[in-house]
Protein backbone atom coordinates (compact mmCIF):
# COMPACT_ATOMS: atom_id res chain seq x y z
CA MET A 1 9.59 1.69 3.55
CA CYS A 2 6.22 3.17 2.72
CA ASN A 3 4.13 3.35 5.89
CA LEU A 4 1.74 6.08 4.83
CA TYR A 5 -0.20 6.70 1.64
CA ASN A 6 -3.15 8.83 0.61
CA LEU A 7 -6.24 8.44 -1.56
CA THR A 8 -7.88 11.72 -2.55
CA SER A 9 -10.40 11.02 -5.30
CA ASN A 10 -14.05 10.46 -6.02
CA GLN A 11 -15.34 6.90 -6.35
CA GLN A 12 -16.26 7.35 -10.00
CA ALA A 13 -12.59 7.98 -10.80
CA ILE A 14 -11.67 4.80 -8.96
CA ARG A 15 -14.45 2.89 -10.74
CA ASP A 16 -13.26 4.15 -14.13
CA PHE A 17 -9.68 3.18 -13.37
CA ALA A 18 -10.25 -0.34 -12.03
CA ASP A 19 -13.67 -1.45 -13.35
CA ILE A 20 -15.34 -1.95 -9.95
CA THR A 21 -18.81 -3.51 -9.98
CA ARG A 22 -19.62 -3.65 -6.24
CA TYR A 23 -19.13 -1.19 -3.39
CA ARG A 24 -19.24 -2.86 0.03
CA GLU A 25 -18.44 0.21 2.10
CA GLY A 26 -20.76 2.90 0.74
CA ASN A 27 -19.21 6.28 0.07
CA LEU A 28 -15.56 6.84 0.89
CA PRO A 29 -14.51 10.11 2.57
CA PRO A 30 -13.07 12.72 0.16
CA THR A 31 -9.54 11.97 1.36
CA VAL A 32 -8.16 8.92 3.16
CA ASN A 33 -4.76 8.77 4.87
CA VAL A 34 -3.89 5.12 5.42
CA HIS A 35 -1.53 4.11 8.23
CA PRO A 36 -0.20 0.66 9.21
CA ASP A 37 -2.68 -1.64 10.97
CA ARG A 38 -5.52 0.70 10.02
CA PRO A 39 -8.32 0.32 7.43
CA GLY A 40 -7.78 1.18 3.80
CA PRO A 41 -9.80 0.53 0.62
CA ILE A 42 -8.80 -2.32 -1.67
CA ILE A 43 -10.24 -3.72 -4.88
CA ARG A 44 -10.54 -7.51 -5.07
CA VAL A 45 -12.67 -10.22 -6.67
CA ASP A 46 -15.44 -11.54 -4.39
CA ALA A 47 -16.90 -15.05 -4.18
CA ASP A 48 -19.32 -14.26 -7.03
CA GLY A 49 -16.54 -13.15 -9.34
CA GLU A 50 -17.49 -9.48 -8.99
CA ARG A 51 -14.80 -6.85 -8.56
CA GLU A 52 -15.53 -5.12 -5.25
CA LEU A 53 -14.24 -2.12 -3.32
CA ILE A 54 -13.96 -3.03 0.36
CA MET A 55 -12.10 -1.84 3.47
CA SER A 56 -9.28 -4.03 4.76
CA THR A 57 -6.52 -3.63 7.38
CA TRP A 58 -3.05 -2.69 6.15
CA GLY A 59 -0.48 -5.31 7.13
CA MET A 60 -0.31 -8.95 6.03
CA PRO A 61 0.43 -11.76 8.54
CA THR A 62 3.99 -11.66 9.84
CA PRO A 63 6.13 -14.82 9.52
CA ASP A 64 5.88 -16.74 12.80
CA ALA A 65 9.65 -16.53 13.35
CA HIS A 66 9.35 -12.76 13.82
CA LEU A 67 6.39 -12.74 16.24
CA GLU A 68 8.05 -14.16 19.38
CA GLY A 69 4.64 -14.85 20.90
CA LYS A 70 3.47 -11.24 20.56
CA PRO A 71 0.34 -9.99 18.77
CA ASP A 72 0.86 -9.49 15.05
CA ARG A 73 1.16 -5.88 13.91
CA GLY A 74 1.50 -6.86 10.28
CA VAL A 75 3.87 -6.53 7.32
CA THR A 76 3.01 -3.50 5.22
CA ASN A 77 5.49 -3.87 2.35
CA VAL A 78 6.32 -7.17 0.63
CA ARG A 79 9.42 -7.44 -1.53
CA LYS A 80 10.89 -10.96 -1.26
CA THR A 81 8.16 -12.81 -3.12
CA PHE A 82 10.42 -15.89 -3.41
CA ILE A 83 9.94 -16.60 0.32
CA PRO A 84 7.43 -19.45 0.87
CA HIS A 85 5.53 -17.35 3.42
CA TRP A 86 4.50 -14.95 0.61
CA GLN A 87 4.15 -17.48 -2.18
CA GLN A 88 0.94 -18.83 -0.64
CA TRP A 89 -0.75 -15.49 -1.45
CA LEU A 90 0.57 -14.74 -4.94
CA GLY A 91 -2.23 -16.49 -6.87
CA VAL A 92 -5.03 -14.49 -8.47
CA GLU A 93 -7.42 -15.37 -5.62
CA HIS A 94 -5.26 -13.35 -3.21
CA ARG A 95 -4.25 -10.43 -5.41
CA CYS A 96 -5.83 -7.01 -5.06
CA LEU A 97 -5.45 -3.42 -6.16
CA VAL A 98 -4.77 -0.74 -3.56
CA PRO A 99 -6.04 2.60 -4.94
CA ALA A 100 -3.93 5.64 -4.08
CA THR A 101 -3.08 9.11 -5.29
CA ALA A 102 0.15 9.62 -3.31
CA PHE A 103 2.64 7.64 -1.22
CA SER A 104 5.22 8.97 1.19
CA GLU A 105 8.72 8.40 2.51
CA PHE A 106 10.79 10.24 5.08
CA GLU A 107 14.05 11.90 4.08
CA GLN A 108 17.22 10.33 5.44
CA GLU A 109 18.38 13.34 7.50
CA PRO A 110 16.46 15.58 9.94
CA ASP A 111 15.71 19.17 9.08
CA PRO A 112 18.17 21.28 11.17
CA GLU A 113 15.41 23.73 12.07
CA THR A 114 12.76 21.23 13.18
CA GLY A 115 14.85 18.23 14.21
CA LYS A 116 12.41 16.02 12.24
CA LYS A 117 12.89 14.08 9.06
CA PRO A 118 10.76 15.78 6.39
CA LEU A 119 7.99 13.65 4.92
CA ARG A 120 7.97 13.68 1.12
CA TRP A 121 5.04 12.77 -1.10
CA PHE A 122 5.28 11.02 -4.46
CA VAL A 123 2.56 11.37 -7.12
CA LEU A 124 2.17 10.65 -10.82
CA ASN A 125 1.86 14.35 -11.68
CA GLU A 126 0.60 17.63 -10.24
CA ASP A 127 -3.04 16.62 -10.84
CA GLN A 128 -2.51 13.60 -8.52
CA PRO A 129 -4.55 11.06 -10.53
CA VAL A 130 -5.48 7.64 -9.18
CA PHE A 131 -3.03 4.76 -9.50
CA ALA A 132 -2.96 1.31 -7.93
CA LEU A 133 -0.44 -0.38 -5.70
CA ALA A 134 0.04 -4.07 -6.55
CA GLY A 135 -1.47 -5.73 -3.47
CA ILE A 136 -2.16 -9.09 -1.90
CA HIS A 137 -4.83 -9.89 0.69
CA THR A 138 -6.05 -12.67 2.98
CA LYS A 139 -8.24 -13.47 5.95
CA TRP A 140 -6.31 -14.34 9.10
CA THR A 141 -7.36 -15.39 12.61
CA GLY A 142 -5.36 -14.47 15.69
CA ALA A 143 -4.26 -11.60 17.94
CA ARG A 144 -3.67 -8.39 16.04
CA GLY A 145 -2.28 -5.03 17.12
CA PRO A 146 -0.30 -3.69 20.12
CA ILE A 147 0.62 -5.84 23.12
CA ARG A 148 -1.51 -3.76 25.50
CA ALA A 149 -4.65 -3.92 23.38
CA PRO A 150 -4.61 -6.92 21.02
CA ARG A 151 -7.62 -7.51 18.80
CA GLU A 152 -8.56 -11.19 18.78
CA GLY A 153 -10.57 -12.79 15.99
CA GLU A 154 -10.67 -12.94 12.22
CA HIS A 155 -9.05 -10.10 10.29
CA ASP A 156 -9.16 -9.07 6.65
CA LEU A 157 -5.61 -7.99 5.75
CA PHE A 158 -3.64 -6.58 2.83
CA ALA A 159 -0.20 -5.32 1.88
CA PHE A 160 1.48 -4.23 -1.35
CA LEU A 161 4.63 -5.21 -3.17
CA THR A 162 7.80 -3.12 -3.29
CA THR A 163 10.78 -3.11 -5.61
CA SER A 164 14.05 -1.25 -6.22
CA PRO A 165 13.65 2.54 -6.12
CA ASN A 166 13.90 4.63 -9.27
CA ASP A 167 15.98 7.80 -9.47
CA ILE A 168 13.08 9.92 -8.17
CA VAL A 169 12.63 7.89 -4.98
CA LYS A 170 16.23 6.76 -4.38
CA PRO A 171 17.64 10.08 -3.06
CA ILE A 172 14.93 10.12 -0.39
CA HIS A 173 14.47 6.41 0.26
CA PRO A 174 17.32 4.34 -1.23
CA LYS A 175 16.04 0.89 -0.24
CA ALA A 176 12.71 0.41 -2.03
CA MET A 177 9.57 1.89 -3.54
CA PRO A 178 6.03 0.54 -3.96
CA VAL A 179 5.01 -1.27 -7.14
CA LEU A 180 2.79 1.23 -8.98
CA LEU A 181 0.25 0.25 -11.62
CA THR A 182 -0.82 3.21 -13.73
CA THR A 183 -2.93 1.73 -16.54
CA ARG A 184 -6.03 -0.46 -16.76
CA GLU A 185 -3.97 -2.99 -18.71
CA GLU A 186 -1.46 -3.33 -15.86
CA CYS A 187 -4.29 -3.67 -13.36
CA GLU A 188 -5.87 -6.44 -15.44
CA ILE A 189 -2.56 -8.31 -15.66
CA TRP A 190 -2.10 -8.05 -11.91
CA MET A 191 -5.62 -9.26 -11.17
CA MET A 192 -5.99 -11.95 -13.82
CA ALA A 193 -2.64 -13.25 -15.17
CA ASP A 194 -0.67 -16.19 -13.84
CA TRP A 195 2.22 -15.36 -11.53
CA LYS A 196 4.87 -15.81 -14.22
CA GLU A 197 3.33 -12.89 -16.10
CA ALA A 198 2.16 -10.82 -13.13
CA LYS A 199 5.56 -10.81 -11.39
CA LYS A 200 7.01 -8.80 -14.29
CA LEU A 201 5.10 -5.83 -12.85
CA GLN A 202 7.31 -5.88 -9.73
CA ARG A 203 9.59 -3.20 -11.17
CA PRO A 204 10.27 0.51 -10.57
CA LEU A 205 7.98 2.96 -12.32
CA PRO A 206 10.02 4.94 -14.89
CA GLU A 207 11.21 8.31 -13.60
CA ASP A 208 9.38 10.25 -16.30
CA GLN A 209 6.02 8.87 -15.10
CA MET A 210 6.08 10.31 -11.58
CA MET A 211 7.30 13.20 -9.45
CA VAL A 212 8.06 14.13 -5.86
CA LEU A 213 6.24 17.09 -4.31
CA PRO A 214 8.18 19.92 -2.62
CA ARG A 215 9.12 19.65 1.04
CA TYR A 216 6.31 20.25 3.53
CA THR A 217 3.54 19.83 0.97
CA ASP A 218 0.36 19.08 2.91
CA VAL A 219 -1.35 16.03 1.39
CA GLY A 220 -4.62 14.82 2.85
CA GLY A 221 -4.65 17.32 5.72
CA LEU A 222 -1.68 15.78 7.55
CA GLY A 223 0.05 19.09 8.04
CA ALA A 224 3.65 19.97 7.28
CA HIS A 225 5.25 17.96 10.09
CA PRO A 226 3.30 14.74 10.72
CA ASN A 227 4.49 12.28 13.32
CA LYS A 228 6.29 9.25 11.98
CA SER A 229 4.07 6.23 11.34
CA THR A 230 4.14 3.09 13.47
CA ASP A 231 7.27 1.08 12.63
CA LEU A 232 6.11 -2.33 11.43
CA PHE A 233 7.92 -5.07 9.54
CA ALA A 234 8.48 -4.06 5.94
CA GLY A 235 10.32 -5.37 2.92
CA ILE A 236 10.20 -8.99 4.08
């Protein structure tokens, strides 16, 4: 499951890719590493019908059956869109674009020298242009975060869809990969089309449209051996 992605780009590139008309958060830092239950930029339509760039927390509400009375730490990756829990957020009013330039997965086996599973980064090409992850978002009220320090109140949340891995991702992560949108046309379909049309985008990106970077490539200043991200629900 993808529990870490990176956005390294200027805001004009994001604007050109997704036709943003409002910026709610001012200037973004030059590079953003987004972890579960932490803020990340999303593009959504506001109450005035304007397409806005705003910060939201990564991890949609967890189904109640999985919470067991504990604070919600969120679901980062959504695959089973046929489940009623997710169907309530599949309409255009809850869809968003999650801008990114790279996403990561850990290899299946530890490196014999370090004892750690190497983190691998996936990009469209060596220039690492902007793409979008097909996201959903909502406002949610309740206790969020770890048991020792829950955050009560209203939260603005998002997650993105996953699908079967292609042959680039499968050797490293055989279960799933994020749904990548690489053209303005795909972004418009995701943001504006009815679900019957939009759900066709929940498919693997063709292998010839992306690549995996070499082992220990440092993306976004994480270093060669980052600690593994918080393990949240994924693929539900």
